[in-house]
Amino acid sequence: MAKAKVSVTIEESVLDRVDQAADGMSRSEIVERALKRWLSDRRQRQLDEEIKAYYTQQSEEQRSEDQEWAELSARQLGKTSK
């Protein structure tokens, strides 16, 4: 995958700590890993919000049906795990 060169400004004390903890990784590797983690965390938060919105907007009937399916699934799982 193609790489792009960027320039960032970072507080010296943070950069010193990063360099000390680098374990042989380059600054570029560290920044790339950190950005990938940030993107992953952000996507997870978005999914969590979407799930929360889905369940918040459900009617009482839909919540009841979901509960019934959950209970049925739990009973079936209990039967198959023995």
N, C-alpha and C. Protein backbone atom coordinates (compact mmCIF):
# COMPACT_ATOMS: atom_id res chain seq x y z
N MET A 1 0.85 -1.18 0.00
CA MET A 1 0.00 0.00 0.00
C MET A 1 0.89 1.24 0.00
N ALA A 2 0.49 2.23 -0.74
CA ALA A 2 1.28 3.46 -0.85
C ALA A 2 1.30 4.21 0.48
N LYS A 3 2.39 4.86 0.73
CA LYS A 3 2.56 5.65 1.95
C LYS A 3 2.63 7.11 1.57
N ALA A 4 2.19 7.97 2.47
CA ALA A 4 2.28 9.42 2.28
C ALA A 4 3.10 10.00 3.40
N LYS A 5 3.97 10.89 3.08
CA LYS A 5 4.80 11.54 4.08
C LYS A 5 4.02 12.73 4.65
N VAL A 6 3.97 12.81 5.97
CA VAL A 6 3.28 13.91 6.64
C VAL A 6 4.20 14.50 7.70
N SER A 7 3.89 15.68 8.10
CA SER A 7 4.65 16.34 9.16
C SER A 7 3.69 16.66 10.29
N VAL A 8 4.08 16.34 11.50
CA VAL A 8 3.23 16.63 12.67
C VAL A 8 4.07 17.33 13.73
N THR A 9 3.41 18.09 14.54
CA THR A 9 4.07 18.77 15.65
C THR A 9 3.60 18.12 16.94
N ILE A 10 4.57 17.66 17.72
CA ILE A 10 4.28 16.93 18.95
C ILE A 10 5.09 17.53 20.09
N GLU A 11 4.47 17.65 21.23
CA GLU A 11 5.15 18.16 22.41
C GLU A 11 6.40 17.31 22.68
N GLU A 12 7.51 17.96 22.97
CA GLU A 12 8.79 17.26 23.15
C GLU A 12 8.73 16.19 24.23
N SER A 13 8.07 16.47 25.33
CA SER A 13 8.02 15.48 26.41
C SER A 13 7.27 14.22 25.97
N VAL A 14 6.26 14.38 25.14
CA VAL A 14 5.53 13.22 24.61
C VAL A 14 6.44 12.45 23.66
N LEU A 15 7.12 13.14 22.80
CA LEU A 15 8.02 12.50 21.85
C LEU A 15 9.15 11.76 22.57
N ASP A 16 9.68 12.35 23.63
CA ASP A 16 10.71 11.67 24.43
C ASP A 16 10.19 10.36 25.00
N ARG A 17 8.99 10.39 25.53
CA ARG A 17 8.39 9.17 26.12
C ARG A 17 8.13 8.12 25.04
N VAL A 18 7.68 8.58 23.86
CA VAL A 18 7.45 7.66 22.75
C VAL A 18 8.77 7.00 22.34
N ASP A 19 9.81 7.79 22.21
CA ASP A 19 11.12 7.25 21.83
C ASP A 19 11.62 6.23 22.85
N GLN A 20 11.40 6.50 24.12
CA GLN A 20 11.84 5.57 25.17
C GLN A 20 11.07 4.25 25.12
N ALA A 21 9.80 4.31 24.72
CA ALA A 21 8.96 3.12 24.71
C ALA A 21 8.89 2.44 23.34
N ALA A 22 9.67 2.90 22.39
CA ALA A 22 9.53 2.49 20.99
C ALA A 22 9.80 1.00 20.74
N ASP A 23 10.59 0.36 21.55
CA ASP A 23 10.92 -1.07 21.36
C ASP A 23 11.36 -1.38 19.93
N GLY A 24 12.20 -0.53 19.38
CA GLY A 24 12.74 -0.78 18.05
C GLY A 24 11.86 -0.31 16.89
N MET A 25 10.67 0.17 17.18
CA MET A 25 9.80 0.67 16.11
C MET A 25 10.20 2.09 15.74
N SER A 26 10.00 2.39 14.48
CA SER A 26 10.26 3.76 14.04
C SER A 26 9.10 4.66 14.49
N ARG A 27 9.34 5.93 14.51
CA ARG A 27 8.27 6.88 14.84
C ARG A 27 7.11 6.73 13.86
N SER A 28 7.42 6.50 12.60
CA SER A 28 6.38 6.32 11.59
C SER A 28 5.50 5.12 11.91
N GLU A 29 6.13 4.01 12.31
CA GLU A 29 5.36 2.81 12.67
C GLU A 29 4.45 3.09 13.87
N ILE A 30 5.01 3.80 14.85
CA ILE A 30 4.23 4.11 16.06
C ILE A 30 3.03 4.99 15.72
N VAL A 31 3.26 6.02 14.93
CA VAL A 31 2.18 6.93 14.55
C VAL A 31 1.13 6.18 13.73
N GLU A 32 1.57 5.34 12.79
CA GLU A 32 0.63 4.59 11.97
C GLU A 32 -0.21 3.64 12.82
N ARG A 33 0.43 2.93 13.73
CA ARG A 33 -0.32 2.04 14.63
C ARG A 33 -1.31 2.81 15.48
N ALA A 34 -0.87 3.96 16.00
CA ALA A 34 -1.76 4.77 16.84
C ALA A 34 -2.96 5.26 16.05
N LEU A 35 -2.74 5.68 14.81
CA LEU A 35 -3.85 6.16 13.98
C LEU A 35 -4.80 5.03 13.61
N LYS A 36 -4.26 3.85 13.31
CA LYS A 36 -5.12 2.70 13.02
C LYS A 36 -5.98 2.35 14.24
N ARG A 37 -5.35 2.38 15.41
CA ARG A 37 -6.10 2.09 16.65
C ARG A 37 -7.18 3.13 16.87
N TRP A 38 -6.85 4.39 16.65
CA TRP A 38 -7.82 5.48 16.81
C TRP A 38 -9.01 5.28 15.87
N LEU A 39 -8.73 4.93 14.62
CA LEU A 39 -9.80 4.69 13.65
C LEU A 39 -10.66 3.50 14.06
N SER A 40 -10.03 2.44 14.53
CA SER A 40 -10.76 1.27 14.99
C SER A 40 -11.65 1.61 16.18
N ASP A 41 -11.09 2.32 17.15
CA ASP A 41 -11.86 2.73 18.33
C ASP A 41 -13.03 3.62 17.93
N ARG A 42 -12.78 4.52 16.99
CA ARG A 42 -13.84 5.43 16.53
C ARG A 42 -14.97 4.65 15.86
N ARG A 43 -14.60 3.68 15.03
CA ARG A 43 -15.62 2.86 14.37
C ARG A 43 -16.41 2.07 15.39
N GLN A 44 -15.73 1.55 16.41
CA GLN A 44 -16.43 0.79 17.45
C GLN A 44 -17.42 1.68 18.19
N ARG A 45 -17.01 2.92 18.50
CA ARG A 45 -17.93 3.85 19.16
C ARG A 45 -19.14 4.14 18.29
N GLN A 46 -18.91 4.29 16.97
CA GLN A 46 -20.04 4.51 16.05
C GLN A 46 -20.99 3.33 16.05
N LEU A 47 -20.44 2.12 16.01
CA LEU A 47 -21.29 0.93 16.05
C LEU A 47 -22.06 0.85 17.35
N ASP A 48 -21.39 1.15 18.45
CA ASP A 48 -22.07 1.14 19.76
C ASP A 48 -23.23 2.13 19.78
N GLU A 49 -23.02 3.31 19.20
CA GLU A 49 -24.08 4.32 19.15
C GLU A 49 -25.24 3.85 18.26
N GLU A 50 -24.92 3.21 17.14
CA GLU A 50 -25.96 2.70 16.26
C GLU A 50 -26.77 1.61 16.93
N ILE A 51 -26.10 0.73 17.66
CA ILE A 51 -26.80 -0.34 18.39
C ILE A 51 -27.68 0.27 19.47
N LYS A 52 -27.14 1.23 20.20
CA LYS A 52 -27.91 1.90 21.25
C LYS A 52 -29.15 2.57 20.65
N ALA A 53 -28.98 3.25 19.52
CA ALA A 53 -30.11 3.92 18.87
C ALA A 53 -31.15 2.90 18.42
N TYR A 54 -30.70 1.78 17.89
CA TYR A 54 -31.62 0.73 17.45
C TYR A 54 -32.49 0.26 18.61
N TYR A 55 -31.85 -0.06 19.72
CA TYR A 55 -32.62 -0.59 20.85
C TYR A 55 -33.46 0.49 21.53
N THR A 56 -32.99 1.72 21.52
CA THR A 56 -33.74 2.82 22.12
C THR A 56 -35.02 3.09 21.34
N GLN A 57 -34.97 2.91 20.02
CA GLN A 57 -36.11 3.21 19.17
C GLN A 57 -37.10 2.06 19.04
N GLN A 58 -36.79 0.92 19.63
CA GLN A 58 -37.68 -0.24 19.53
C GLN A 58 -38.97 0.00 20.30
N SER A 59 -40.03 -0.59 19.79
CA SER A 59 -41.30 -0.56 20.52
C SER A 59 -41.24 -1.60 21.64
N GLU A 60 -42.18 -1.54 22.55
CA GLU A 60 -42.24 -2.51 23.64
C GLU A 60 -42.43 -3.93 23.07
N GLU A 61 -43.22 -4.03 22.02
CA GLU A 61 -43.45 -5.32 21.37
C GLU A 61 -42.16 -5.89 20.80
N GLN A 62 -41.37 -5.04 20.16
CA GLN A 62 -40.08 -5.49 19.59
C GLN A 62 -39.12 -5.91 20.69
N ARG A 63 -39.09 -5.15 21.79
CA ARG A 63 -38.21 -5.52 22.92
C ARG A 63 -38.61 -6.86 23.51
N SER A 64 -39.90 -7.07 23.62
CA SER A 64 -40.41 -8.33 24.16
C SER A 64 -40.02 -9.49 23.25
N GLU A 65 -40.18 -9.30 21.94
CA GLU A 65 -39.81 -10.36 20.99
C GLU A 65 -38.32 -10.65 21.05
N ASP A 66 -37.50 -9.61 21.13
CA ASP A 66 -36.05 -9.80 21.27
C ASP A 66 -35.72 -10.60 22.52
N GLN A 67 -36.40 -10.28 23.61
CA GLN A 67 -36.17 -10.98 24.88
C GLN A 67 -36.53 -12.47 24.73
N GLU A 68 -37.63 -12.74 24.06
CA GLU A 68 -38.03 -14.14 23.85
C GLU A 68 -36.99 -14.89 23.02
N TRP A 69 -36.49 -14.25 21.96
CA TRP A 69 -35.46 -14.88 21.14
C TRP A 69 -34.18 -15.11 21.95
N ALA A 70 -33.83 -14.15 22.78
CA ALA A 70 -32.62 -14.29 23.60
C ALA A 70 -32.76 -15.47 24.56
N GLU A 71 -33.92 -15.58 25.17
CA GLU A 71 -34.14 -16.69 26.11
C GLU A 71 -34.12 -18.03 25.40
N LEU A 72 -34.76 -18.11 24.22
CA LEU A 72 -34.76 -19.34 23.44
C LEU A 72 -33.33 -19.70 23.04
N SER A 73 -32.58 -18.73 22.59
CA SER A 73 -31.18 -18.97 22.20
C SER A 73 -30.36 -19.48 23.38
N ALA A 74 -30.56 -18.88 24.54
CA ALA A 74 -29.82 -19.30 25.74
C ALA A 74 -30.17 -20.74 26.11
N ARG A 75 -31.45 -21.08 26.01
CA ARG A 75 -31.86 -22.47 26.33
C ARG A 75 -31.23 -23.44 25.34
N GLN A 76 -31.25 -23.09 24.05
CA GLN A 76 -30.68 -23.97 23.04
C GLN A 76 -29.17 -24.11 23.21
N LEU A 77 -28.53 -23.01 23.53
CA LEU A 77 -27.09 -23.06 23.76
C LEU A 77 -26.77 -23.96 24.95
N GLY A 78 -27.58 -23.88 25.99
CA GLY A 78 -27.38 -24.73 27.16
C GLY A 78 -27.51 -26.20 26.82
N LYS A 79 -28.43 -26.54 25.90
CA LYS A 79 -28.64 -27.92 25.50
C LYS A 79 -27.46 -28.43 24.67
N THR A 80 -26.90 -27.58 23.83
CA THR A 80 -25.84 -28.04 22.93
C THR A 80 -24.46 -28.02 23.56
N SER A 81 -24.30 -27.28 24.65
CA SER A 81 -22.96 -27.18 25.25
C SER A 81 -22.68 -28.29 26.25
N LYS A 82 -23.64 -29.12 26.51
CA LYS A 82 -23.45 -30.21 27.49
C LYS A 82 -22.88 -31.43 26.84
